[in-house]
Amino acid sequence: MRAAILAAALTLTALPAAAELRVVATTSSMAMLVREVGGAAITITTLAPPDRDPHYLLARPSMVVALRRADLVVAVGADLEVGWLPAAIQGASNPRILPGQPGYFEGAAHIALLETGQVADRSRGDVHPMGNPHFYTDPERMATIGIALAARLGALDPANKDAFAARAAAFSTAVGERVTRWRQQVAGVPGVVFYHKDSNYLAAFLGVTVLGYVEPLPGIPPTASHLRDLVGRLTGSKGVILFNSFHPREGPDFLARQLGWKAVQLQLEVPLDATGATYLDHINRWVMATTGATP
């Protein structure tokens, strides 16, 4: 009898734990959303470091390895990763994560995008015909994507479907609790100059006017004549210049000196290990910077 009990105990301890979903996110903002919605039921790998511009990455062997093992890919979409993600997925030879399959998820497919319908023309800079892909600076859109992501995770892991939905709803509630205060903080703000159009969703979310861009066209480095034109147009007005960590500071610093404005450099993406709370604090720093306060 004792031997039988021991054998049964050994059998029970040898049973495999419920398998975690293996999720690969293209950026740290999408990884944050996966982590917030998926909780302990997922393992997450992030492909793009938060200090790199995801437009210009190259497909690397480490990406292919992660994608080969993945149950789900969570991408930004709207062609943000078009230069490297399709090649990495093709190299992974994993039919579960091909576009159109349940293992492929694009955040952009679940929200209304800004700046849609533009013509892809190199003379107009780095234009995204599907729309501006930098929606992760809008917490309300991120909350909407979180609800859709919970449904996808639940389809892949029905045992945790309710938990995913509850976590997504909690994140949406946390966003909603901050929205009114954020918009009150920026009431009366004269406007901002961004380096690139990667913060347009933040401005739209807050209702803040974008006064111009350091780049003459998206993805095109600023020229002396463009910067002089900005100075000429904005002299005598008020505002703040915001740019992110992978943009060079020469252009913003020039404008700041000429206009007497503050230029603030911020991280566009959240850290690799970010949670929902980290993300909300991150957005709060951008909101503060928009008002001219030190974030």
Foldseek 3Di string as FASTA:
>chain_A
DVVVVVVVVVVVVPDDDDAAAEEEEAALLQVQLCCLLVPPRHDYHYNDALLDQLQDDAADPVLLVSLLPHQAYEYLDLCSNVRHDVVSNVSNPHVCADPPHLRYHHLPVQDDAAPEQDDDDPVQPHDRNHHQSLLSLAQQSSLRSQQVVLCSVCVVPVVCSVSSNVSSVVLNVVVVVCLVVLLVLCVPQQAEEEQACNNVNNCVSNVGHHLYHQAPHHPHHHDPVVLVVSLVVCAPHAFEYEYENNDDCPSVVVNCVSRVHYYDYYRSGFHNPDHSVSSVVRSVCVSCVRNVHHD
